[in-house]
């Protein structure tokens, strides 16, 4: 129900609220609480109906159990990601050999390049 709130604590809060509200106003307070609960329930029901109408058949076809975050298992997600193929296999034998070949590392050192006002350095708009 509530995280970290026990039944004893809820009863204590209810008794304190009854004392604070007083016996004269308690029936009106209970009626307004019941009315508010009914309004919230009706609002949720109408929102659910509206979503079902707008989503159509797609909404009823969704497997909600699969989307439940309590079903999250990081080991299964990692295993599925490692076992799935990244690229489709090539139909030719030479393509398969090229796909498994490791690129050679760069042997020439990077040389710093001087830029001028006519040729400014490259700009990366995605860099921070």
C-alpha atoms as a PDB file:
ATOM      1  CA  UNK A   1       0.000   0.000   0.000  1.00  0.00           C
ATOM      2  CA  UNK A   2       2.233   2.823   1.240  1.00  0.00           C
ATOM      3  CA  UNK A   3       5.959   2.346   1.398  1.00  0.00           C
ATOM      4  CA  UNK A   4       7.152   2.374   4.984  1.00  0.00           C
ATOM      5  CA  UNK A   5       3.724   3.051   6.550  1.00  0.00           C
ATOM      6  CA  UNK A   6       2.230   0.309   8.693  1.00  0.00           C
ATOM      7  CA  UNK A   7      -1.393  -0.251   9.699  1.00  0.00           C
ATOM      8  CA  UNK A   8      -0.622   0.957  13.233  1.00  0.00           C
ATOM      9  CA  UNK A   9       0.658   4.275  11.912  1.00  0.00           C
ATOM     10  CA  UNK A  10      -2.393   4.724   9.661  1.00  0.00           C
ATOM     11  CA  UNK A  11      -4.731   4.067  12.607  1.00  0.00           C
ATOM     12  CA  UNK A  12      -2.816   6.550  14.761  1.00  0.00           C
ATOM     13  CA  UNK A  13      -3.093   9.216  12.037  1.00  0.00           C
ATOM     14  CA  UNK A  14      -6.846   8.488  11.703  1.00  0.00           C
ATOM     15  CA  UNK A  15      -7.395   8.850  15.475  1.00  0.00           C
ATOM     16  CA  UNK A  16      -5.447  12.126  15.580  1.00  0.00           C
ATOM     17  CA  UNK A  17      -7.384  13.427  12.569  1.00  0.00           C
ATOM     18  CA  UNK A  18     -10.699  12.489  14.248  1.00  0.00           C
ATOM     19  CA  UNK A  19      -9.650  14.373  17.379  1.00  0.00           C
ATOM     20  CA  UNK A  20      -8.504  17.432  15.420  1.00  0.00           C
ATOM     21  CA  UNK A  21     -11.612  17.526  13.196  1.00  0.00           C
ATOM     22  CA  UNK A  22     -13.916  16.967  16.128  1.00  0.00           C
ATOM     23  CA  UNK A  23     -17.129  14.975  16.481  1.00  0.00           C
ATOM     24  CA  UNK A  24     -19.288  17.779  15.008  1.00  0.00           C
ATOM     25  CA  UNK A  25     -17.421  18.076  11.710  1.00  0.00           C
ATOM     26  CA  UNK A  26     -16.404  14.404  11.372  1.00  0.00           C
ATOM     27  CA  UNK A  27     -19.494  13.268   9.356  1.00  0.00           C
ATOM     28  CA  UNK A  28     -19.096  16.153   6.868  1.00  0.00           C
ATOM     29  CA  UNK A  29     -15.383  15.430   6.605  1.00  0.00           C
ATOM     30  CA  UNK A  30     -16.081  11.729   5.927  1.00  0.00           C
ATOM     31  CA  UNK A  31     -18.652  12.656   3.249  1.00  0.00           C
ATOM     32  CA  UNK A  32     -16.238  15.011   1.512  1.00  0.00           C
ATOM     33  CA  UNK A  33     -13.490  12.362   1.674  1.00  0.00           C
ATOM     34  CA  UNK A  34     -15.845   9.772   0.137  1.00  0.00           C
ATOM     35  CA  UNK A  35     -16.955  12.251  -2.556  1.00  0.00           C
ATOM     36  CA  UNK A  36     -13.336  13.070  -3.410  1.00  0.00           C
ATOM     37  CA  UNK A  37     -12.451   9.373  -3.631  1.00  0.00           C
ATOM     38  CA  UNK A  38     -15.398   8.767  -5.993  1.00  0.00           C
ATOM     39  CA  UNK A  39     -14.364  11.728  -8.176  1.00  0.00           C
ATOM     40  CA  UNK A  40     -10.784  10.460  -8.432  1.00  0.00           C
ATOM     41  CA  UNK A  41     -12.018   6.951  -9.273  1.00  0.00           C
ATOM     42  CA  UNK A  42     -14.359   8.332 -11.981  1.00  0.00           C
ATOM     43  CA  UNK A  43     -11.547  10.499 -13.391  1.00  0.00           C
ATOM     44  CA  UNK A  44      -9.230   7.484 -13.661  1.00  0.00           C
ATOM     45  CA  UNK A  45     -11.994   5.388 -15.246  1.00  0.00           C
ATOM     46  CA  UNK A  46     -12.777   8.088 -17.854  1.00  0.00           C
ATOM     47  CA  UNK A  47      -9.073   8.585 -18.618  1.00  0.00           C
ATOM     48  CA  UNK A  48      -8.625   4.848 -19.153  1.00  0.00           C
ATOM     49  CA  UNK A  49     -11.693   4.723 -21.420  1.00  0.00           C
ATOM     50  CA  UNK A  50     -10.449   7.707 -23.431  1.00  0.00           C
ATOM     51  CA  UNK A  51      -6.997   6.126 -23.872  1.00  0.00           C
ATOM     52  CA  UNK A  52      -8.575   2.843 -25.007  1.00  0.00           C
ATOM     53  CA  UNK A  53     -10.745   4.709 -27.533  1.00  0.00           C
ATOM     54  CA  UNK A  54      -7.845   6.739 -28.918  1.00  0.00           C
ATOM     55  CA  UNK A  55      -5.391   3.833 -29.081  1.00  0.00           C
ATOM     56  CA  UNK A  56      -7.934   1.485 -30.643  1.00  0.00           C
ATOM     57  CA  UNK A  57      -6.991  -2.143 -31.142  1.00  0.00           C
ATOM     58  CA  UNK A  58      -3.291  -1.487 -30.470  1.00  0.00           C
ATOM     59  CA  UNK A  59      -4.032  -0.782 -26.804  1.00  0.00           C
ATOM     60  CA  UNK A  60      -5.742  -4.125 -26.237  1.00  0.00           C
ATOM     61  CA  UNK A  61      -2.925  -6.015 -27.991  1.00  0.00           C
ATOM     62  CA  UNK A  62      -0.167  -4.700 -25.687  1.00  0.00           C
ATOM     63  CA  UNK A  63       1.310  -7.319 -23.358  1.00  0.00           C
ATOM     64  CA  UNK A  64       1.342  -5.302 -20.124  1.00  0.00           C
ATOM     65  CA  UNK A  65       3.007  -8.113 -18.147  1.00  0.00           C
ATOM     66  CA  UNK A  66       6.022  -7.906 -20.440  1.00  0.00           C
ATOM     67  CA  UNK A  67       6.321  -4.137 -19.816  1.00  0.00           C
ATOM     68  CA  UNK A  68       6.137  -4.494 -16.035  1.00  0.00           C
ATOM     69  CA  UNK A  69       9.349  -3.012 -14.551  1.00  0.00           C
ATOM     70  CA  UNK A  70       9.301  -5.654 -11.827  1.00  0.00           C
ATOM     71  CA  UNK A  71      10.084  -8.205 -14.552  1.00  0.00           C
ATOM     72  CA  UNK A  72      13.390  -6.416 -15.270  1.00  0.00           C
ATOM     73  CA  UNK A  73      16.302  -8.833 -15.109  1.00  0.00           C
ATOM     74  CA  UNK A  74      19.624  -7.265 -16.109  1.00  0.00           C
ATOM     75  CA  UNK A  75      21.236 -10.675 -16.669  1.00  0.00           C
ATOM     76  CA  UNK A  76      18.588 -11.598 -19.250  1.00  0.00           C
ATOM     77  CA  UNK A  77      18.902  -8.250 -21.046  1.00  0.00           C
ATOM     78  CA  UNK A  78      22.699  -8.545 -21.264  1.00  0.00           C
ATOM     79  CA  UNK A  79      22.483 -12.166 -22.410  1.00  0.00           C
ATOM     80  CA  UNK A  80      19.965 -11.252 -25.145  1.00  0.00           C
ATOM     81  CA  UNK A  81      22.121  -8.320 -26.269  1.00  0.00           C
ATOM     82  CA  UNK A  82      25.243 -10.479 -26.470  1.00  0.00           C
ATOM     83  CA  UNK A  83      23.530 -13.297 -28.342  1.00  0.00           C
ATOM     84  CA  UNK A  84      21.802 -11.193 -31.000  1.00  0.00           C
ATOM     85  CA  UNK A  85      23.577 -10.732 -34.324  1.00  0.00           C
ATOM     86  CA  UNK A  86      24.781  -7.239 -35.176  1.00  0.00           C
ATOM     87  CA  UNK A  87      25.100  -7.643 -38.946  1.00  0.00           C
ATOM     88  CA  UNK A  88      23.433 -10.098 -41.318  1.00  0.00           C
ATOM     89  CA  UNK A  89      25.803 -12.782 -42.655  1.00  0.00           C
ATOM     90  CA  UNK A  90      27.336 -12.125 -46.079  1.00  0.00           C
ATOM     91  CA  UNK A  91      26.385 -14.606 -48.837  1.00  0.00           C
ATOM     92  CA  UNK A  92      29.925 -14.805 -50.285  1.00  0.00           C
ATOM     93  CA  UNK A  93      32.907 -16.478 -48.652  1.00  0.00           C
ATOM     94  CA  UNK A  94      35.173 -13.487 -49.301  1.00  0.00           C
ATOM     95  CA  UNK A  95      32.651 -11.205 -47.609  1.00  0.00           C
ATOM     96  CA  UNK A  96      32.712 -13.428 -44.541  1.00  0.00           C
ATOM     97  CA  UNK A  97      36.508 -13.300 -44.445  1.00  0.00           C
ATOM     98  CA  UNK A  98      36.454  -9.520 -44.822  1.00  0.00           C
ATOM     99  CA  UNK A  99      33.933  -9.176 -42.006  1.00  0.00           C
ATOM    100  CA  UNK A 100      36.175 -11.102 -39.610  1.00  0.00           C
ATOM    101  CA  UNK A 101      39.382  -9.288 -40.625  1.00  0.00           C
ATOM    102  CA  UNK A 102      40.771  -6.934 -38.009  1.00  0.00           C
ATOM    103  CA  UNK A 103      41.748  -3.481 -39.301  1.00  0.00           C
ATOM    104  CA  UNK A 104      45.430  -2.667 -39.068  1.00  0.00           C
ATOM    105  CA  UNK A 105      46.407  -0.059 -36.495  1.00  0.00           C
ATOM    106  CA  UNK A 106      47.701   3.313 -37.604  1.00  0.00           C
ATOM    107  CA  UNK A 107      51.477   3.243 -37.872  1.00  0.00           C
ATOM    108  CA  UNK A 108      52.146   6.869 -38.793  1.00  0.00           C
ATOM    109  CA  UNK A 109      52.036   9.295 -35.868  1.00  0.00           C
ATOM    110  CA  UNK A 110      49.556  12.131 -35.905  1.00  0.00           C
ATOM    111  CA  UNK A 111      51.196  15.365 -36.976  1.00  0.00           C
ATOM    112  CA  UNK A 112      49.801  18.624 -35.602  1.00  0.00           C
ATOM    113  CA  UNK A 113      48.400  20.742 -38.388  1.00  0.00           C
ATOM    114  CA  UNK A 114      48.552  24.533 -38.497  1.00  0.00           C
ATOM    115  CA  UNK A 115      45.342  26.306 -39.455  1.00  0.00           C
ATOM    116  CA  UNK A 116      45.049  29.771 -40.929  1.00  0.00           C
ATOM    117  CA  UNK A 117      42.238  32.314 -41.223  1.00  0.00           C
ATOM    118  CA  UNK A 118      41.469  31.033 -44.728  1.00  0.00           C
ATOM    119  CA  UNK A 119      41.200  27.435 -43.532  1.00  0.00           C
ATOM    120  CA  UNK A 120      39.748  27.322 -39.994  1.00  0.00           C
ATOM    121  CA  UNK A 121      39.883  24.136 -37.959  1.00  0.00           C
ATOM    122  CA  UNK A 122      36.948  21.764 -38.294  1.00  0.00           C
ATOM    123  CA  UNK A 123      34.004  22.474 -36.010  1.00  0.00           C
ATOM    124  CA  UNK A 124      31.944  19.771 -34.341  1.00  0.00           C
ATOM    125  CA  UNK A 125      28.572  21.168 -33.287  1.00  0.00           C
ATOM    126  CA  UNK A 126      27.826  18.046 -31.223  1.00  0.00           C
ATOM    127  CA  UNK A 127      30.966  18.354 -29.099  1.00  0.00           C
ATOM    128  CA  UNK A 128      30.693  19.812 -25.643  1.00  0.00           C
END
